[in-house]
């Protein structure tokens, strides 16, 4: 599979953002396990849901990018194999 540098960089950025959101979610879940007051617990639940939505958004973007790369490679393939040029995956 071949991927251009711009798309590769964009995938890397979204992977980093998804990773950050996973870490943020873990922090919220840890705080929930030791939350003392209902107000604190509500805030942590809200933060957890927000972080999980961020994870979902980043993974959705990565899926779309990967599908576009796969589609582009399907149309670029020749009987002798993929064409040279951009970064191989």
Protein backbone atom coordinates (compact mmCIF):
# COMPACT_ATOMS: atom_id res chain seq x y z
CA UNK A 1 0.00 0.00 0.00
CA UNK A 2 1.21 3.49 -0.80
CA UNK A 3 0.35 6.62 1.17
CA UNK A 4 1.36 10.21 0.52
CA UNK A 5 3.24 12.19 3.17
CA UNK A 6 0.37 14.59 3.87
CA UNK A 7 -2.12 11.79 4.55
CA UNK A 8 0.43 9.91 6.66
CA UNK A 9 1.05 13.04 8.74
CA UNK A 10 -2.69 13.63 9.12
CA UNK A 11 -3.18 10.04 10.31
CA UNK A 12 -0.34 10.44 12.80
CA UNK A 13 -1.91 13.63 14.19
CA UNK A 14 -5.30 11.97 14.65
CA UNK A 15 -3.68 8.93 16.26
CA UNK A 16 -1.93 11.25 18.74
CA UNK A 17 -5.22 13.07 19.47
CA UNK A 18 -7.02 9.75 20.01
CA UNK A 19 -4.23 8.61 22.31
CA UNK A 20 -4.48 11.84 24.32
CA UNK A 21 -8.26 11.40 24.60
CA UNK A 22 -7.82 7.83 25.87
CA UNK A 23 -5.42 9.09 28.55
CA UNK A 24 -7.84 11.89 29.51
CA UNK A 25 -10.68 9.35 29.77
CA UNK A 26 -8.57 7.15 32.03
CA UNK A 27 -7.91 10.12 34.32
CA UNK A 28 -11.64 10.88 34.52
CA UNK A 29 -12.43 7.24 35.29
CA UNK A 30 -9.77 7.18 38.01
CA UNK A 31 -11.26 10.33 39.53
CA UNK A 32 -14.72 8.75 39.39
CA UNK A 33 -13.55 5.78 41.41
CA UNK A 34 -12.49 8.13 44.22
CA UNK A 35 -15.07 10.93 43.81
CA UNK A 36 -16.47 12.07 47.12
CA UNK A 37 -19.32 14.41 46.28
CA UNK A 38 -22.16 14.13 43.72
CA UNK A 39 -21.06 17.41 42.08
CA UNK A 40 -17.53 16.09 41.58
CA UNK A 41 -18.89 12.80 40.27
CA UNK A 42 -21.18 14.59 37.78
CA UNK A 43 -18.27 16.68 36.47
CA UNK A 44 -16.11 13.58 36.06
CA UNK A 45 -18.87 11.73 34.20
CA UNK A 46 -19.28 14.70 31.88
CA UNK A 47 -15.52 14.79 31.26
CA UNK A 48 -15.46 11.05 30.66
CA UNK A 49 -18.24 11.25 28.08
CA UNK A 50 -16.58 14.22 26.36
CA UNK A 51 -13.27 12.35 26.16
CA UNK A 52 -14.93 9.23 24.80
CA UNK A 53 -16.68 11.29 22.11
CA UNK A 54 -13.30 12.76 21.18
CA UNK A 55 -11.83 9.26 20.85
CA UNK A 56 -14.73 8.27 18.60
CA UNK A 57 -14.28 11.37 16.42
CA UNK A 58 -10.55 10.80 15.95
CA UNK A 59 -10.99 7.12 15.10
CA UNK A 60 -13.76 8.00 12.62
CA UNK A 61 -11.44 10.49 10.89
CA UNK A 62 -8.63 7.91 10.76
CA UNK A 63 -11.02 5.33 9.28
CA UNK A 64 -12.08 7.76 6.53
CA UNK A 65 -8.46 8.59 5.72
CA UNK A 66 -7.50 4.92 5.56
CA UNK A 67 -10.48 4.13 3.33
CA UNK A 68 -9.46 6.96 0.99
CA UNK A 69 -5.90 5.61 0.86
CA UNK A 70 -7.17 2.09 0.16
CA UNK A 71 -9.48 3.36 -2.58
CA UNK A 72 -6.67 5.41 -4.12
CA UNK A 73 -4.39 2.39 -4.10
CA UNK A 74 -7.04 0.24 -5.77
CA UNK A 75 -7.27 2.68 -8.67
CA UNK A 76 -3.48 3.15 -8.87
CA UNK A 77 -2.60 -0.56 -8.93
CA UNK A 78 -1.33 -1.95 -12.17
CA UNK A 79 -0.85 -5.63 -13.13
CA UNK A 80 2.82 -5.31 -12.12
CA UNK A 81 1.95 -3.98 -8.65
CA UNK A 82 1.63 -0.60 -6.98
CA UNK A 83 3.32 2.40 -8.54
CA UNK A 84 6.41 3.94 -6.94
CA UNK A 85 6.56 7.37 -5.38
CA UNK A 86 4.97 8.12 -2.01
CA UNK A 87 5.81 6.37 1.23
CA UNK A 88 5.17 2.61 1.29
CA UNK A 89 3.13 1.32 4.23
